[in-house]
Amino acid sequence: MSKNTKTVILLLSLAVFIAAVPLFARKGAEFGGSDDAGSVMIEEIQGEYTPWFTPVLENALGGEIPGEVESLIFCVQTGIGVGIIAFFMGRFVERKKWMKAAAAEESSGEAESSDDADR
C-alpha cells in the first residue's frame, strides 16, 4: 500500500471517528443548529428579545419557511461553495502542470540549442 493510500485511509477514519464520538458520548441528546440558540441565551440574560430583522424569504412567503425548503436552500448554498472551491483547486493543479510542462519544454529547448552550438 502506498503512503498516499495510507494517509487517505487514516484521514477518513479520523473523520468518521470525529463524527461518531458525539453520538455515543451523549446518548439521547438533541443535536440542533445554532439558529435559535443565540436568541434563547439573550432571553435568559436580558429577559426580553426582539429580533432586529426577519429572514427575507419569510417576508416574501408571508410565513415560516418549511424545513424541507430551508434544507434545500442550505444544500444549494453548500453546493455553490464546494463548486467554487473545487474550481480554484483545479486551476491551481492545472497551473502547476502547465508550469512543469513549460519548464521541461524550456530545458529541452536549451539542450537542443547547446547541441547545435557544439556542432
PDB file of N, CA and C in Angstrom:
ATOM      1  N   MET A   1       0.848  -1.170   0.000  1.00  0.00           N
ATOM      2  CA  MET A   1       0.000   0.000   0.000  1.00  0.00           C
ATOM      3  C   MET A   1       0.902   1.244   0.000  1.00  0.00           C
ATOM      4  N   SER A   2       0.533   2.223  -0.823  1.00  0.00           N
ATOM      5  CA  SER A   2       1.366   3.421  -0.924  1.00  0.00           C
ATOM      6  C   SER A   2       1.131   4.352   0.264  1.00  0.00           C
ATOM      7  N   LYS A   3       2.030   5.300   0.409  1.00  0.00           N
ATOM      8  CA  LYS A   3       1.953   6.256   1.518  1.00  0.00           C
ATOM      9  C   LYS A   3       0.695   7.116   1.401  1.00  0.00           C
ATOM     10  N   ASN A   4       0.341   7.513   0.167  1.00  0.00           N
ATOM     11  CA  ASN A   4      -0.857   8.337  -0.032  1.00  0.00           C
ATOM     12  C   ASN A   4      -2.122   7.577   0.346  1.00  0.00           C
ATOM     13  N   THR A   5      -2.193   6.294   0.001  1.00  0.00           N
ATOM     14  CA  THR A   5      -3.364   5.483   0.335  1.00  0.00           C
ATOM     15  C   THR A   5      -3.514   5.364   1.843  1.00  0.00           C
ATOM     16  N   LYS A   6      -2.404   5.134   2.529  1.00  0.00           N
ATOM     17  CA  LYS A   6      -2.451   5.046   3.995  1.00  0.00           C
ATOM     18  C   LYS A   6      -2.904   6.358   4.609  1.00  0.00           C
ATOM     19  N   THR A   7      -2.433   7.476   4.060  1.00  0.00           N
ATOM     20  CA  THR A   7      -2.823   8.788   4.583  1.00  0.00           C
ATOM     21  C   THR A   7      -4.314   9.031   4.384  1.00  0.00           C
ATOM     22  N   VAL A   8      -4.829   8.685   3.208  1.00  0.00           N
ATOM     23  CA  VAL A   8      -6.257   8.878   2.930  1.00  0.00           C
ATOM     24  C   VAL A   8      -7.105   8.023   3.859  1.00  0.00           C
ATOM     25  N   ILE A   9      -6.725   6.774   4.030  1.00  0.00           N
ATOM     26  CA  ILE A   9      -7.479   5.880   4.921  1.00  0.00           C
ATOM     27  C   ILE A   9      -7.444   6.397   6.356  1.00  0.00           C
ATOM     28  N   LEU A  10      -6.296   6.873   6.798  1.00  0.00           N
ATOM     29  CA  LEU A  10      -6.171   7.418   8.152  1.00  0.00           C
ATOM     30  C   LEU A  10      -7.062   8.648   8.327  1.00  0.00           C
ATOM     31  N   LEU A  11      -7.049   9.550   7.366  1.00  0.00           N
ATOM     32  CA  LEU A  11      -7.864  10.768   7.477  1.00  0.00           C
ATOM     33  C   LEU A  11      -9.362  10.466   7.419  1.00  0.00           C
ATOM     34  N   LEU A  12      -9.763   9.529   6.560  1.00  0.00           N
ATOM     35  CA  LEU A  12     -11.180   9.142   6.515  1.00  0.00           C
ATOM     36  C   LEU A  12     -11.613   8.490   7.824  1.00  0.00           C
ATOM     37  N   SER A  13     -10.771   7.648   8.378  1.00  0.00           N
ATOM     38  CA  SER A  13     -11.086   7.021   9.669  1.00  0.00           C
ATOM     39  C   SER A  13     -11.221   8.075  10.767  1.00  0.00           C
ATOM     40  N   LEU A  14     -10.326   9.054  10.753  1.00  0.00           N
ATOM     41  CA  LEU A  14     -10.380  10.132  11.734  1.00  0.00           C
ATOM     42  C   LEU A  14     -11.670  10.947  11.592  1.00  0.00           C
ATOM     43  N   ALA A  15     -12.086  11.213  10.359  1.00  0.00           N
ATOM     44  CA  ALA A  15     -13.321  11.969  10.137  1.00  0.00           C
ATOM     45  C   ALA A  15     -14.538  11.196  10.650  1.00  0.00           C
ATOM     46  N   VAL A  16     -14.591   9.899  10.376  1.00  0.00           N
ATOM     47  CA  VAL A  16     -15.699   9.075  10.875  1.00  0.00           C
ATOM     48  C   VAL A  16     -15.683   9.038  12.397  1.00  0.00           C
ATOM     49  N   PHE A  17     -14.516   8.920  12.991  1.00  0.00           N
ATOM     50  CA  PHE A  17     -14.384   8.900  14.446  1.00  0.00           C
ATOM     51  C   PHE A  17     -14.895  10.199  15.057  1.00  0.00           C
ATOM     52  N   ILE A  18     -14.494  11.331  14.475  1.00  0.00           N
ATOM     53  CA  ILE A  18     -14.915  12.637  14.998  1.00  0.00           C
ATOM     54  C   ILE A  18     -16.431  12.801  14.888  1.00  0.00           C
ATOM     55  N   ALA A  19     -17.024  12.283  13.818  1.00  0.00           N
ATOM     56  CA  ALA A  19     -18.474  12.396  13.644  1.00  0.00           C
ATOM     57  C   ALA A  19     -19.238  11.448  14.571  1.00  0.00           C
ATOM     58  N   ALA A  20     -18.673  10.285  14.870  1.00  0.00           N
ATOM     59  CA  ALA A  20     -19.391   9.278  15.644  1.00  0.00           C
ATOM     60  C   ALA A  20     -19.274   9.465  17.152  1.00  0.00           C
ATOM     61  N   VAL A  21     -18.190  10.026  17.632  1.00  0.00           N
ATOM     62  CA  VAL A  21     -17.971  10.156  19.078  1.00  0.00           C
ATOM     63  C   VAL A  21     -19.107  10.922  19.768  1.00  0.00           C
ATOM     64  N   PRO A  22     -19.568  12.067  19.268  1.00  0.00           N
ATOM     65  CA  PRO A  22     -20.656  12.762  19.970  1.00  0.00           C
ATOM     66  C   PRO A  22     -21.945  11.951  20.052  1.00  0.00           C
ATOM     67  N   LEU A  23     -22.201  11.121  19.050  1.00  0.00           N
ATOM     68  CA  LEU A  23     -23.430  10.324  19.071  1.00  0.00           C
ATOM     69  C   LEU A  23     -23.416   9.300  20.198  1.00  0.00           C
ATOM     70  N   PHE A  24     -22.252   8.737  20.495  1.00  0.00           N
ATOM     71  CA  PHE A  24     -22.155   7.732  21.553  1.00  0.00           C
ATOM     72  C   PHE A  24     -21.853   8.355  22.909  1.00  0.00           C
ATOM     73  N   ALA A  25     -21.179   9.471  22.936  1.00  0.00           N
ATOM     74  CA  ALA A  25     -20.812  10.110  24.194  1.00  0.00           C
ATOM     75  C   ALA A  25     -22.018  10.773  24.863  1.00  0.00           C
ATOM     76  N   ARG A  26     -22.924  11.299  24.059  1.00  0.00           N
ATOM     77  CA  ARG A  26     -24.106  11.996  24.594  1.00  0.00           C
ATOM     78  C   ARG A  26     -25.380  11.321  24.105  1.00  0.00           C
ATOM     79  N   LYS A  27     -25.627  10.111  24.558  1.00  0.00           N
ATOM     80  CA  LYS A  27     -26.827   9.385  24.141  1.00  0.00           C
ATOM     81  C   LYS A  27     -28.081  10.136  24.580  1.00  0.00           C
ATOM     82  N   GLY A  28     -29.031  10.249  23.665  1.00  0.00           N
ATOM     83  CA  GLY A  28     -30.293  10.906  23.976  1.00  0.00           C
ATOM     84  C   GLY A  28     -30.261  12.417  23.875  1.00  0.00           C
ATOM     85  N   ALA A  29     -29.129  12.986  23.567  1.00  0.00           N
ATOM     86  CA  ALA A  29     -29.026  14.441  23.450  1.00  0.00           C
ATOM     87  C   ALA A  29     -29.601  14.899  22.116  1.00  0.00           C
ATOM     88  N   GLU A  30     -30.112  16.107  22.115  1.00  0.00           N
ATOM     89  CA  GLU A  30     -30.623  16.694  20.877  1.00  0.00           C
ATOM     90  C   GLU A  30     -29.520  17.544  20.264  1.00  0.00           C
ATOM     91  N   PHE A  31     -29.176  17.215  19.024  1.00  0.00           N
ATOM     92  CA  PHE A  31     -28.172  17.989  18.313  1.00  0.00           C
ATOM     93  C   PHE A  31     -28.904  18.916  17.358  1.00  0.00           C
ATOM     94  N   GLY A  32     -28.857  20.185  17.650  1.00  0.00           N
ATOM     95  CA  GLY A  32     -29.553  21.160  16.822  1.00  0.00           C
ATOM     96  C   GLY A  32     -28.614  22.231  16.337  1.00  0.00           C
ATOM     97  N   GLY A  33     -29.141  23.086  15.497  1.00  0.00           N
ATOM     98  CA  GLY A  33     -28.341  24.177  14.970  1.00  0.00           C
ATOM     99  C   GLY A  33     -28.247  25.320  15.956  1.00  0.00           C
ATOM    100  N   SER A  34     -27.540  26.331  15.564  1.00  0.00           N
ATOM    101  CA  SER A  34     -27.347  27.485  16.447  1.00  0.00           C
ATOM    102  C   SER A  34     -28.271  28.639  16.097  1.00  0.00           C
ATOM    103  N   ASP A  35     -29.220  28.406  15.191  1.00  0.00           N
ATOM    104  CA  ASP A  35     -30.101  29.488  14.749  1.00  0.00           C
ATOM    105  C   ASP A  35     -30.845  30.138  15.911  1.00  0.00           C
ATOM    106  N   ASP A  36     -31.449  29.323  16.762  1.00  0.00           N
ATOM    107  CA  ASP A  36     -32.249  29.865  17.864  1.00  0.00           C
ATOM    108  C   ASP A  36     -31.486  29.914  19.186  1.00  0.00           C
ATOM    109  N   ALA A  37     -30.313  29.310  19.236  1.00  0.00           N
ATOM    110  CA  ALA A  37     -29.571  29.249  20.496  1.00  0.00           C
ATOM    111  C   ALA A  37     -29.174  30.640  20.987  1.00  0.00           C
ATOM    112  N   GLY A  38     -28.804  31.511  20.089  1.00  0.00           N
ATOM    113  CA  GLY A  38     -28.407  32.874  20.477  1.00  0.00           C
ATOM    114  C   GLY A  38     -29.562  33.658  21.054  1.00  0.00           C
ATOM    115  N   SER A  39     -30.731  33.601  20.398  1.00  0.00           N
ATOM    116  CA  SER A  39     -31.887  34.347  20.903  1.00  0.00           C
ATOM    117  C   SER A  39     -32.368  33.779  22.239  1.00  0.00           C
ATOM    118  N   VAL A  40     -32.284  32.465  22.418  1.00  0.00           N
ATOM    119  CA  VAL A  40     -32.683  31.861  23.696  1.00  0.00           C
ATOM    120  C   VAL A  40     -31.754  32.331  24.815  1.00  0.00           C
ATOM    121  N   MET A  41     -30.452  32.373  24.533  1.00  0.00           N
ATOM    122  CA  MET A  41     -29.483  32.814  25.536  1.00  0.00           C
ATOM    123  C   MET A  41     -29.707  34.289  25.896  1.00  0.00           C
ATOM    124  N   ILE A  42     -29.992  35.129  24.901  1.00  0.00           N
ATOM    125  CA  ILE A  42     -30.253  36.557  25.170  1.00  0.00           C
ATOM    126  C   ILE A  42     -31.501  36.722  26.021  1.00  0.00           C
ATOM    127  N   GLU A  43     -32.545  35.925  25.730  1.00  0.00           N
ATOM    128  CA  GLU A  43     -33.769  35.997  26.534  1.00  0.00           C
ATOM    129  C   GLU A  43     -33.500  35.593  27.983  1.00  0.00           C
ATOM    130  N   GLU A  44     -32.618  34.604  28.176  1.00  0.00           N
ATOM    131  CA  GLU A  44     -32.288  34.191  29.543  1.00  0.00           C
ATOM    132  C   GLU A  44     -31.543  35.293  30.286  1.00  0.00           C
ATOM    133  N   ILE A  45     -30.668  36.022  29.595  1.00  0.00           N
ATOM    134  CA  ILE A  45     -29.856  37.053  30.240  1.00  0.00           C
ATOM    135  C   ILE A  45     -30.646  38.342  30.425  1.00  0.00           C
ATOM    136  N   GLN A  46     -31.288  38.838  29.358  1.00  0.00           N
ATOM    137  CA  GLN A  46     -31.969  40.126  29.409  1.00  0.00           C
ATOM    138  C   GLN A  46     -33.439  40.025  29.765  1.00  0.00           C
ATOM    139  N   GLY A  47     -34.045  38.923  29.476  1.00  0.00           N
ATOM    140  CA  GLY A  47     -35.460  38.763  29.785  1.00  0.00           C
ATOM    141  C   GLY A  47     -36.355  38.942  28.575  1.00  0.00           C
ATOM    142  N   GLU A  48     -36.020  39.825  27.682  1.00  0.00           N
ATOM    143  CA  GLU A  48     -36.879  40.091  26.524  1.00  0.00           C
ATOM    144  C   GLU A  48     -35.982  40.288  25.312  1.00  0.00           C
ATOM    145  N   TYR A  49     -36.382  39.687  24.199  1.00  0.00           N
ATOM    146  CA  TYR A  49     -35.560  39.784  22.984  1.00  0.00           C
ATOM    147  C   TYR A  49     -36.461  40.051  21.798  1.00  0.00           C
ATOM    148  N   THR A  50     -36.173  41.103  21.066  1.00  0.00           N
ATOM    149  CA  THR A  50     -36.887  41.417  19.833  1.00  0.00           C
ATOM    150  C   THR A  50     -35.878  41.398  18.689  1.00  0.00           C
ATOM    151  N   PRO A  51     -36.072  40.487  17.717  1.00  0.00           N
ATOM    152  CA  PRO A  51     -35.120  40.435  16.607  1.00  0.00           C
ATOM    153  C   PRO A  51     -35.097  41.748  15.824  1.00  0.00           C
ATOM    154  N   TRP A  52     -33.944  42.096  15.292  1.00  0.00           N
ATOM    155  CA  TRP A  52     -33.801  43.319  14.518  1.00  0.00           C
ATOM    156  C   TRP A  52     -34.426  43.182  13.138  1.00  0.00           C
ATOM    157  N   PHE A  53     -34.417  41.990  12.613  1.00  0.00           N
ATOM    158  CA  PHE A  53     -34.979  41.762  11.279  1.00  0.00           C
ATOM    159  C   PHE A  53     -35.482  40.328  11.192  1.00  0.00           C
ATOM    160  N   THR A  54     -36.237  40.055  10.157  1.00  0.00           N
ATOM    161  CA  THR A  54     -36.703  38.695   9.893  1.00  0.00           C
ATOM    162  C   THR A  54     -36.098  38.239   8.567  1.00  0.00           C
ATOM    163  N   PRO A  55     -35.953  36.934   8.375  1.00  0.00           N
ATOM    164  CA  PRO A  55     -35.371  36.446   7.127  1.00  0.00           C
ATOM    165  C   PRO A  55     -36.156  36.916   5.903  1.00  0.00           C
ATOM    166  N   VAL A  56     -35.444  37.186   4.830  1.00  0.00           N
ATOM    167  CA  VAL A  56     -36.036  37.738   3.612  1.00  0.00           C
ATOM    168  C   VAL A  56     -37.107  36.815   3.054  1.00  0.00           C
ATOM    169  N   LEU A  57     -36.844  35.520   2.990  1.00  0.00           N
ATOM    170  CA  LEU A  57     -37.820  34.592   2.416  1.00  0.00           C
ATOM    171  C   LEU A  57     -39.073  34.475   3.273  1.00  0.00           C
ATOM    172  N   GLU A  58     -38.942  34.628   4.586  1.00  0.00           N
ATOM    173  CA  GLU A  58     -40.137  34.596   5.432  1.00  0.00           C
ATOM    174  C   GLU A  58     -41.033  35.781   5.111  1.00  0.00           C
ATOM    175  N   ASN A  59     -40.431  36.939   4.866  1.00  0.00           N
ATOM    176  CA  ASN A  59     -41.226  38.111   4.489  1.00  0.00           C
ATOM    177  C   ASN A  59     -41.873  37.914   3.130  1.00  0.00           C
ATOM    178  N   ALA A  60     -41.127  37.344   2.172  1.00  0.00           N
ATOM    179  CA  ALA A  60     -41.638  37.166   0.824  1.00  0.00           C
ATOM    180  C   ALA A  60     -42.746  36.122   0.766  1.00  0.00           C
ATOM    181  N   LEU A  61     -42.608  35.052   1.542  1.00  0.00           N
ATOM    182  CA  LEU A  61     -43.603  33.984   1.515  1.00  0.00           C
ATOM    183  C   LEU A  61     -44.750  34.231   2.484  1.00  0.00           C
ATOM    184  N   GLY A  62     -44.605  35.189   3.361  1.00  0.00           N
ATOM    185  CA  GLY A  62     -45.673  35.515   4.291  1.00  0.00           C
ATOM    186  C   GLY A  62     -45.799  34.540   5.442  1.00  0.00           C
ATOM    187  N   GLY A  63     -44.762  33.866   5.811  1.00  0.00           N
ATOM    188  CA  GLY A  63     -44.810  32.925   6.927  1.00  0.00           C
ATOM    189  C   GLY A  63     -43.487  32.216   7.070  1.00  0.00           C
ATOM    190  N   GLU A  64     -43.488  31.213   7.930  1.00  0.00           N
ATOM    191  CA  GLU A  64     -42.254  30.456   8.148  1.00  0.00           C
ATOM    192  C   GLU A  64     -41.945  29.593   6.934  1.00  0.00           C
ATOM    193  N   ILE A  65     -40.670  29.398   6.697  1.00  0.00           N
ATOM    194  CA  ILE A  65     -40.233  28.554   5.594  1.00  0.00           C
ATOM    195  C   ILE A  65     -40.302  27.105   6.062  1.00  0.00           C
ATOM    196  N   PRO A  66     -40.891  26.212   5.249  1.00  0.00           N
ATOM    197  CA  PRO A  66     -40.907  24.795   5.633  1.00  0.00           C
ATOM    198  C   PRO A  66     -39.481  24.252   5.765  1.00  0.00           C
ATOM    199  N   GLY A  67     -39.293  23.280   6.633  1.00  0.00           N
ATOM    200  CA  GLY A  67     -37.973  22.720   6.885  1.00  0.00           C
ATOM    201  C   GLY A  67     -37.319  22.144   5.640  1.00  0.00           C
ATOM    202  N   GLU A  68     -38.125  21.544   4.743  1.00  0.00           N
ATOM    203  CA  GLU A  68     -37.571  20.955   3.531  1.00  0.00           C
ATOM    204  C   GLU A  68     -36.993  22.027   2.615  1.00  0.00           C
ATOM    205  N   VAL A  69     -37.698  23.149   2.509  1.00  0.00           N
ATOM    206  CA  VAL A  69     -37.220  24.246   1.654  1.00  0.00           C
ATOM    207  C   VAL A  69     -35.961  24.861   2.252  1.00  0.00           C
ATOM    208  N   GLU A  70     -35.953  25.012   3.556  1.00  0.00           N
ATOM    209  CA  GLU A  70     -34.774  25.549   4.230  1.00  0.00           C
ATOM    210  C   GLU A  70     -33.563  24.644   4.015  1.00  0.00           C
ATOM    211  N   SER A  71     -33.773  23.321   4.118  1.00  0.00           N
ATOM    212  CA  SER A  71     -32.692  22.366   3.869  1.00  0.00           C
ATOM    213  C   SER A  71     -32.232  22.429   2.417  1.00  0.00           C
ATOM    214  N   LEU A  72     -33.172  22.569   1.493  1.00  0.00           N
ATOM    215  CA  LEU A  72     -32.821  22.667   0.078  1.00  0.00           C
ATOM    216  C   LEU A  72     -31.958  23.894  -0.189  1.00  0.00           C
ATOM    217  N   ILE A  73     -32.345  25.024   0.365  1.00  0.00           N
ATOM    218  CA  ILE A  73     -31.569  26.260   0.176  1.00  0.00           C
ATOM    219  C   ILE A  73     -30.169  26.102   0.769  1.00  0.00           C
ATOM    220  N   PHE A  74     -30.085  25.474   1.932  1.00  0.00           N
ATOM    221  CA  PHE A  74     -28.783  25.249   2.560  1.00  0.00           C
ATOM    222  C   PHE A  74     -27.916  24.339   1.695  1.00  0.00           C
ATOM    223  N   CYS A  75     -28.516  23.284   1.129  1.00  0.00           N
ATOM    224  CA  CYS A  75     -27.754  22.368   0.273  1.00  0.00           C
ATOM    225  C   CYS A  75     -27.293  23.055  -1.011  1.00  0.00           C
ATOM    226  N   VAL A  76     -28.126  23.903  -1.589  1.00  0.00           N
ATOM    227  CA  VAL A  76     -27.728  24.645  -2.793  1.00  0.00           C
ATOM    228  C   VAL A  76     -26.563  25.574  -2.453  1.00  0.00           C
ATOM    229  N   GLN A  77     -26.649  26.255  -1.324  1.00  0.00           N
ATOM    230  CA  GLN A  77     -25.564  27.139  -0.886  1.00  0.00           C
ATOM    231  C   GLN A  77     -24.273  26.344  -0.699  1.00  0.00           C
ATOM    232  N   THR A  78     -24.370  25.180  -0.092  1.00  0.00           N
ATOM    233  CA  THR A  78     -23.200  24.333   0.107  1.00  0.00           C
ATOM    234  C   THR A  78     -22.629  23.882  -1.231  1.00  0.00           C
ATOM    235  N   GLY A  79     -23.495  23.491  -2.152  1.00  0.00           N
ATOM    236  CA  GLY A  79     -23.045  23.060  -3.472  1.00  0.00           C
ATOM    237  C   GLY A  79     -22.316  24.158  -4.226  1.00  0.00           C
ATOM    238  N   ILE A  80     -22.825  25.370  -4.136  1.00  0.00           N
ATOM    239  CA  ILE A  80     -22.168  26.505  -4.798  1.00  0.00           C
ATOM    240  C   ILE A  80     -20.786  26.728  -4.188  1.00  0.00           C
ATOM    241  N   GLY A  81     -20.694  26.694  -2.880  1.00  0.00           N
ATOM    242  CA  GLY A  81     -19.412  26.888  -2.214  1.00  0.00           C
ATOM    243  C   GLY A  81     -18.407  25.805  -2.582  1.00  0.00           C
ATOM    244  N   VAL A  82     -18.848  24.557  -2.601  1.00  0.00           N
ATOM    245  CA  VAL A  82     -17.959  23.455  -2.966  1.00  0.00           C
ATOM    246  C   VAL A  82     -17.526  23.593  -4.425  1.00  0.00           C
ATOM    247  N   GLY A  83     -18.443  24.011  -5.289  1.00  0.00           N
ATOM    248  CA  GLY A  83     -18.100  24.210  -6.694  1.00  0.00           C
ATOM    249  C   GLY A  83     -17.026  25.270  -6.876  1.00  0.00           C
ATOM    250  N   ILE A  84     -17.142  26.356  -6.144  1.00  0.00           N
ATOM    251  CA  ILE A  84     -16.148  27.437  -6.239  1.00  0.00           C
ATOM    252  C   ILE A  84     -14.790  26.948  -5.734  1.00  0.00           C
ATOM    253  N   ILE A  85     -14.787  26.267  -4.597  1.00  0.00           N
ATOM    254  CA  ILE A  85     -13.524  25.758  -4.050  1.00  0.00           C
ATOM    255  C   ILE A  85     -12.897  24.748  -5.006  1.00  0.00           C
ATOM    256  N   ALA A  86     -13.702  23.831  -5.558  1.00  0.00           N
ATOM    257  CA  ALA A  86     -13.182  22.829  -6.489  1.00  0.00           C
ATOM    258  C   ALA A  86     -12.637  23.483  -7.752  1.00  0.00           C
ATOM    259  N   PHE A  87     -13.306  24.523  -8.232  1.00  0.00           N
ATOM    260  CA  PHE A  87     -12.835  25.225  -9.423  1.00  0.00           C
ATOM    261  C   PHE A  87     -11.440  25.795  -9.197  1.00  0.00           C
ATOM    262  N   PHE A  88     -11.257  26.496  -8.099  1.00  0.00           N
ATOM    263  CA  PHE A  88      -9.964  27.122  -7.840  1.00  0.00           C
ATOM    264  C   PHE A  88      -8.878  26.086  -7.539  1.00  0.00           C
ATOM    265  N   MET A  89      -9.231  25.006  -6.841  1.00  0.00           N
ATOM    266  CA  MET A  89      -8.244  23.956  -6.602  1.00  0.00           C
ATOM    267  C   MET A  89      -7.822  23.316  -7.921  1.00  0.00           C
ATOM    268  N   GLY A  90      -8.766  23.094  -8.822  1.00  0.00           N
ATOM    269  CA  GLY A  90      -8.444  22.554 -10.138  1.00  0.00           C
ATOM    270  C   GLY A  90      -7.555  23.491 -10.926  1.00  0.00           C
ATOM    271  N   ARG A  91      -7.837  24.789 -10.831  1.00  0.00           N
ATOM    272  CA  ARG A  91      -6.990  25.770 -11.526  1.00  0.00           C
ATOM    273  C   ARG A  91      -5.563  25.732 -11.006  1.00  0.00           C
ATOM    274  N   PHE A  92      -5.394  25.618  -9.681  1.00  0.00           N
ATOM    275  CA  PHE A  92      -4.045  25.572  -9.109  1.00  0.00           C
ATOM    276  C   PHE A  92      -3.302  24.318  -9.562  1.00  0.00           C
ATOM    277  N   VAL A  93      -3.996  23.182  -9.613  1.00  0.00           N
ATOM    278  CA  VAL A  93      -3.368  21.939 -10.053  1.00  0.00           C
ATOM    279  C   VAL A  93      -2.952  22.050 -11.514  1.00  0.00           C
ATOM    280  N   GLU A  94      -3.846  22.580 -12.345  1.00  0.00           N
ATOM    281  CA  GLU A  94      -3.525  22.731 -13.766  1.00  0.00           C
ATOM    282  C   GLU A  94      -2.388  23.724 -13.976  1.00  0.00           C
ATOM    283  N   ARG A  95      -2.366  24.794 -13.216  1.00  0.00           N
ATOM    284  CA  ARG A  95      -1.291  25.779 -13.330  1.00  0.00           C
ATOM    285  C   ARG A  95       0.054  25.119 -13.024  1.00  0.00           C
ATOM    286  N   LYS A  96       0.063  24.257 -12.004  1.00  0.00           N
ATOM    287  CA  LYS A  96       1.296  23.562 -11.648  1.00  0.00           C
ATOM    288  C   LYS A  96       1.753  22.668 -12.799  1.00  0.00           C
ATOM    289  N   LYS A  97       0.802  21.950 -13.431  1.00  0.00           N
ATOM    290  CA  LYS A  97       1.134  21.098 -14.569  1.00  0.00           C
ATOM    291  C   LYS A  97       1.666  21.926 -15.731  1.00  0.00           C
ATOM    292  N   TRP A  98       1.029  23.068 -16.019  1.00  0.00           N
ATOM    293  CA  TRP A  98       1.477  23.930 -17.127  1.00  0.00           C
ATOM    294  C   TRP A  98       2.881  24.452 -16.854  1.00  0.00           C
ATOM    295  N   MET A  99       3.136  24.834 -15.606  1.00  0.00           N
ATOM    296  CA  MET A  99       4.462  25.355 -15.269  1.00  0.00           C
ATOM    297  C   MET A  99       5.528  24.269 -15.415  1.00  0.00           C
ATOM    298  N   LYS A 100       5.226  23.032 -14.984  1.00  0.00           N
ATOM    299  CA  LYS A 100       6.174  21.931 -15.143  1.00  0.00           C
ATOM    300  C   LYS A 100       6.417  21.648 -16.625  1.00  0.00           C
ATOM    301  N   ALA A 101       5.347  21.652 -17.426  1.00  0.00           N
ATOM    302  CA  ALA A 101       5.486  21.398 -18.856  1.00  0.00           C
ATOM    303  C   ALA A 101       6.301  22.497 -19.527  1.00  0.00           C
ATOM    304  N   ALA A 102       6.056  23.735 -19.142  1.00  0.00           N
ATOM    305  CA  ALA A 102       6.798  24.854 -19.719  1.00  0.00           C
ATOM    306  C   ALA A 102       8.268  24.780 -19.329  1.00  0.00           C
ATOM    307  N   ALA A 103       8.550  24.403 -18.091  1.00  0.00           N
ATOM    308  CA  ALA A 103       9.936  24.284 -17.640  1.00  0.00           C
ATOM    309  C   ALA A 103      10.636  23.142 -18.374  1.00  0.00           C
ATOM    310  N   ALA A 104       9.944  22.026 -18.573  1.00  0.00           N
ATOM    311  CA  ALA A 104      10.527  20.897 -19.286  1.00  0.00           C
ATOM    312  C   ALA A 104      10.780  21.259 -20.745  1.00  0.00           C
ATOM    313  N   GLU A 105       9.838  21.979 -21.344  1.00  0.00           N
ATOM    314  CA  GLU A 105       9.987  22.408 -22.736  1.00  0.00           C
ATOM    315  C   GLU A 105      11.150  23.387 -22.871  1.00  0.00           C
ATOM    316  N   GLU A 106      11.261  24.288 -21.908  1.00  0.00           N
ATOM    317  CA  GLU A 106      12.343  25.273 -21.931  1.00  0.00           C
ATOM    318  C   GLU A 106      13.703  24.595 -21.769  1.00  0.00           C
ATOM    319  N   SER A 107      13.786  23.631 -20.856  1.00  0.00           N
ATOM    320  CA  SER A 107      15.067  22.945 -20.643  1.00  0.00           C
ATOM    321  C   SER A 107      15.428  22.072 -21.841  1.00  0.00           C
ATOM    322  N   SER A 108      14.435  21.461 -22.485  1.00  0.00           N
ATOM    323  CA  SER A 108      14.744  20.659 -23.675  1.00  0.00           C
ATOM    324  C   SER A 108      15.135  21.570 -24.836  1.00  0.00           C
ATOM    325  N   GLY A 109      14.564  22.761 -24.911  1.00  0.00           N
ATOM    326  CA  GLY A 109      14.943  23.731 -25.934  1.00  0.00           C
ATOM    327  C   GLY A 109      16.360  24.216 -25.732  1.00  0.00           C
ATOM    328  N   GLU A 110      16.772  24.407 -24.492  1.00  0.00           N
ATOM    329  CA  GLU A 110      18.140  24.830 -24.198  1.00  0.00           C
ATOM    330  C   GLU A 110      19.129  23.725 -24.540  1.00  0.00           C
ATOM    331  N   ALA A 111      18.739  22.462 -24.298  1.00  0.00           N
ATOM    332  CA  ALA A 111      19.621  21.332 -24.604  1.00  0.00           C
ATOM    333  C   ALA A 111      19.834  21.218 -26.106  1.00  0.00           C
ATOM    334  N   GLU A 112      18.768  21.432 -26.892  1.00  0.00           N
ATOM    335  CA  GLU A 112      18.885  21.369 -28.340  1.00  0.00           C
ATOM    336  C   GLU A 112      19.767  22.499 -28.870  1.00  0.00           C
ATOM    337  N   SER A 113      19.627  23.698 -28.311  1.00  0.00           N
ATOM    338  CA  SER A 113      20.425  24.822 -28.781  1.00  0.00           C
ATOM    339  C   SER A 113      21.896  24.646 -28.417  1.00  0.00           C
ATOM    340  N   SER A 114      22.169  24.010 -27.262  1.00  0.00           N
ATOM    341  CA  SER A 114      23.559  23.771 -26.893  1.00  0.00           C
ATOM    342  C   SER A 114      24.173  22.682 -27.787  1.00  0.00           C
ATOM    343  N   ASP A 115      23.354  21.687 -28.211  1.00  0.00           N
ATOM    344  CA  ASP A 115      23.820  20.659 -29.141  1.00  0.00           C
ATOM    345  C   ASP A 115      24.176  21.279 -30.486  1.00  0.00           C
ATOM    346  N   ASP A 116      23.355  22.242 -30.956  1.00  0.00           N
ATOM    347  CA  ASP A 116      23.606  22.920 -32.221  1.00  0.00           C
ATOM    348  C   ASP A 116      24.897  23.751 -32.126  1.00  0.00           C
ATOM    349  N   ALA A 117      25.143  24.366 -30.991  1.00  0.00           N
ATOM    350  CA  ALA A 117      26.346  25.206 -30.818  1.00  0.00           C
ATOM    351  C   ALA A 117      27.614  24.339 -30.800  1.00  0.00           C
ATOM    352  N   ASP A 118      27.498  23.083 -30.290  1.00  0.00           N
ATOM    353  CA  ASP A 118      28.660  22.214 -30.232  1.00  0.00           C
ATOM    354  C   ASP A 118      29.063  21.729 -31.618  1.00  0.00           C
ATOM    355  N   ARG A 119      28.150  21.672 -32.530  1.00  0.00           N
ATOM    356  CA  ARG A 119      28.431  21.161 -33.877  1.00  0.00           C
ATOM    357  C   ARG A 119      29.098  22.180 -34.676  1.00  0.00           C
TER     358      ARG A 119
END
